[in-house]
Amino acid sequence: MALKRNPENEKEFVEESSISSQKAKQLFANEMRKPKKEKKILTTFSIEPSFKTELEELFSSMGLGWAAGIRFSLKEFSKKHGQD
């Protein structure tokens, strides 16, 4: 059994999709977007291997990897000493 098209329903669908497409355009417009996260930059520094091992153990006990631990430490240092 074949279904017949109902032109009246198609018009309603086209109108609904145009409204939804307008809403989507508004939602994804540049002015409505959240600001993008700032990109990270690669930095290098030198420390003694024994001190790095101590820091890795400390970060591991906090559930952090090396890079996350360094970022956390720098943020905390900045909070503590940045207001002086």
C-alpha atoms as a PDB file:
ATOM      1  CA  MET A   1       0.000   0.000   0.000  1.00  0.00           C
ATOM      2  CA  ALA A   2       1.493   3.315  -1.075  1.00  0.00           C
ATOM      3  CA  LEU A   3       1.089   6.511   0.847  1.00  0.00           C
ATOM      4  CA  LYS A   4      -0.041   9.647  -0.889  1.00  0.00           C
ATOM      5  CA  ARG A   5       1.737  12.916  -0.339  1.00  0.00           C
ATOM      6  CA  ASN A   6      -0.181  15.638   1.338  1.00  0.00           C
ATOM      7  CA  PRO A   7       1.033  19.033  -0.008  1.00  0.00           C
ATOM      8  CA  GLU A   8      -0.402  20.859   3.007  1.00  0.00           C
ATOM      9  CA  ASN A   9       1.825  18.924   5.433  1.00  0.00           C
ATOM     10  CA  GLU A  10       4.886  19.574   3.260  1.00  0.00           C
ATOM     11  CA  LYS A  11       4.301  23.339   3.437  1.00  0.00           C
ATOM     12  CA  GLU A  12       4.143  23.177   7.235  1.00  0.00           C
ATOM     13  CA  PHE A  13       7.385  21.178   7.319  1.00  0.00           C
ATOM     14  CA  VAL A  14       9.152  23.697   5.074  1.00  0.00           C
ATOM     15  CA  GLU A  15       8.005  26.563   7.320  1.00  0.00           C
ATOM     16  CA  GLU A  16       9.149  24.723  10.457  1.00  0.00           C
ATOM     17  CA  SER A  17      12.526  23.891   8.994  1.00  0.00           C
ATOM     18  CA  SER A  18      13.075  27.491   7.971  1.00  0.00           C
ATOM     19  CA  ILE A  19      12.273  28.639  11.509  1.00  0.00           C
ATOM     20  CA  SER A  20      14.585  26.021  12.956  1.00  0.00           C
ATOM     21  CA  SER A  21      17.301  26.938  10.476  1.00  0.00           C
ATOM     22  CA  GLN A  22      16.973  30.580  11.517  1.00  0.00           C
ATOM     23  CA  LYS A  23      17.315  29.597  15.159  1.00  0.00           C
ATOM     24  CA  ALA A  24      20.343  27.469  14.333  1.00  0.00           C
ATOM     25  CA  LYS A  25      21.950  30.363  12.487  1.00  0.00           C
ATOM     26  CA  GLN A  26      21.370  32.611  15.497  1.00  0.00           C
ATOM     27  CA  LEU A  27      22.733  29.997  17.855  1.00  0.00           C
ATOM     28  CA  PHE A  28      25.911  29.492  15.880  1.00  0.00           C
ATOM     29  CA  ALA A  29      26.462  33.133  14.950  1.00  0.00           C
ATOM     30  CA  ASN A  30      29.903  34.465  15.813  1.00  0.00           C
ATOM     31  CA  GLU A  31      28.582  37.024  18.274  1.00  0.00           C
ATOM     32  CA  MET A  32      26.756  34.340  20.270  1.00  0.00           C
ATOM     33  CA  ARG A  33      29.684  31.912  20.545  1.00  0.00           C
ATOM     34  CA  LYS A  34      31.695  31.518  23.681  1.00  0.00           C
ATOM     35  CA  PRO A  35      35.225  32.807  23.364  1.00  0.00           C
ATOM     36  CA  LYS A  36      37.607  30.089  22.257  1.00  0.00           C
ATOM     37  CA  LYS A  37      40.102  28.702  24.709  1.00  0.00           C
ATOM     38  CA  GLU A  38      43.511  30.244  24.495  1.00  0.00           C
ATOM     39  CA  LYS A  39      46.063  27.993  22.827  1.00  0.00           C
ATOM     40  CA  LYS A  40      48.858  26.651  24.980  1.00  0.00           C
ATOM     41  CA  ILE A  41      52.482  27.319  24.176  1.00  0.00           C
ATOM     42  CA  LEU A  42      55.365  24.946  24.708  1.00  0.00           C
ATOM     43  CA  THR A  43      57.879  26.096  27.313  1.00  0.00           C
ATOM     44  CA  THR A  44      61.103  24.486  28.407  1.00  0.00           C
ATOM     45  CA  PHE A  45      63.170  24.710  31.566  1.00  0.00           C
ATOM     46  CA  SER A  46      65.885  22.704  33.269  1.00  0.00           C
ATOM     47  CA  ILE A  47      65.704  21.036  36.686  1.00  0.00           C
ATOM     48  CA  GLU A  48      67.665  18.348  38.458  1.00  0.00           C
ATOM     49  CA  PRO A  49      66.448  14.793  37.757  1.00  0.00           C
ATOM     50  CA  SER A  50      65.991  14.069  41.475  1.00  0.00           C
ATOM     51  CA  PHE A  51      63.782  17.158  41.907  1.00  0.00           C
ATOM     52  CA  LYS A  52      61.740  16.167  38.848  1.00  0.00           C
ATOM     53  CA  THR A  53      61.203  12.714  40.342  1.00  0.00           C
ATOM     54  CA  GLU A  54      59.988  14.302  43.599  1.00  0.00           C
ATOM     55  CA  LEU A  55      57.574  16.533  41.699  1.00  0.00           C
ATOM     56  CA  GLU A  56      56.294  13.641  39.579  1.00  0.00           C
ATOM     57  CA  GLU A  57      55.554  11.651  42.742  1.00  0.00           C
ATOM     58  CA  LEU A  58      53.785  14.637  44.312  1.00  0.00           C
ATOM     59  CA  PHE A  59      51.718  15.281  41.188  1.00  0.00           C
ATOM     60  CA  SER A  60      50.894  11.585  40.897  1.00  0.00           C
ATOM     61  CA  SER A  61      49.588  11.542  44.479  1.00  0.00           C
ATOM     62  CA  MET A  62      47.344  14.461  43.503  1.00  0.00           C
ATOM     63  CA  GLY A  63      46.111  12.575  40.439  1.00  0.00           C
ATOM     64  CA  LEU A  64      47.930  14.869  38.018  1.00  0.00           C
ATOM     65  CA  GLY A  65      50.385  14.196  35.251  1.00  0.00           C
ATOM     66  CA  TRP A  66      53.610  16.143  34.811  1.00  0.00           C
ATOM     67  CA  ALA A  67      52.256  18.963  32.613  1.00  0.00           C
ATOM     68  CA  ALA A  68      49.005  19.349  34.563  1.00  0.00           C
ATOM     69  CA  GLY A  69      50.965  19.433  37.826  1.00  0.00           C
ATOM     70  CA  ILE A  70      53.305  22.135  36.547  1.00  0.00           C
ATOM     71  CA  ARG A  71      50.354  24.228  35.306  1.00  0.00           C
ATOM     72  CA  PHE A  72      48.606  23.777  38.666  1.00  0.00           C
ATOM     73  CA  SER A  73      51.750  24.750  40.571  1.00  0.00           C
ATOM     74  CA  LEU A  74      52.306  27.857  38.480  1.00  0.00           C
ATOM     75  CA  LYS A  75      48.690  28.966  38.909  1.00  0.00           C
ATOM     76  CA  GLU A  76      48.874  28.491  42.681  1.00  0.00           C
ATOM     77  CA  PHE A  77      52.184  30.365  42.845  1.00  0.00           C
ATOM     78  CA  SER A  78      50.718  33.187  40.794  1.00  0.00           C
ATOM     79  CA  LYS A  79      47.664  33.411  43.103  1.00  0.00           C
ATOM     80  CA  LYS A  80      49.817  33.461  46.204  1.00  0.00           C
ATOM     81  CA  HIS A  81      52.519  35.858  45.052  1.00  0.00           C
ATOM     82  CA  GLY A  82      50.768  37.836  42.337  1.00  0.00           C
ATOM     83  CA  GLN A  83      48.941  40.192  44.707  1.00  0.00           C
ATOM     84  CA  ASP A  84      52.138  41.526  46.373  1.00  0.00           C
END
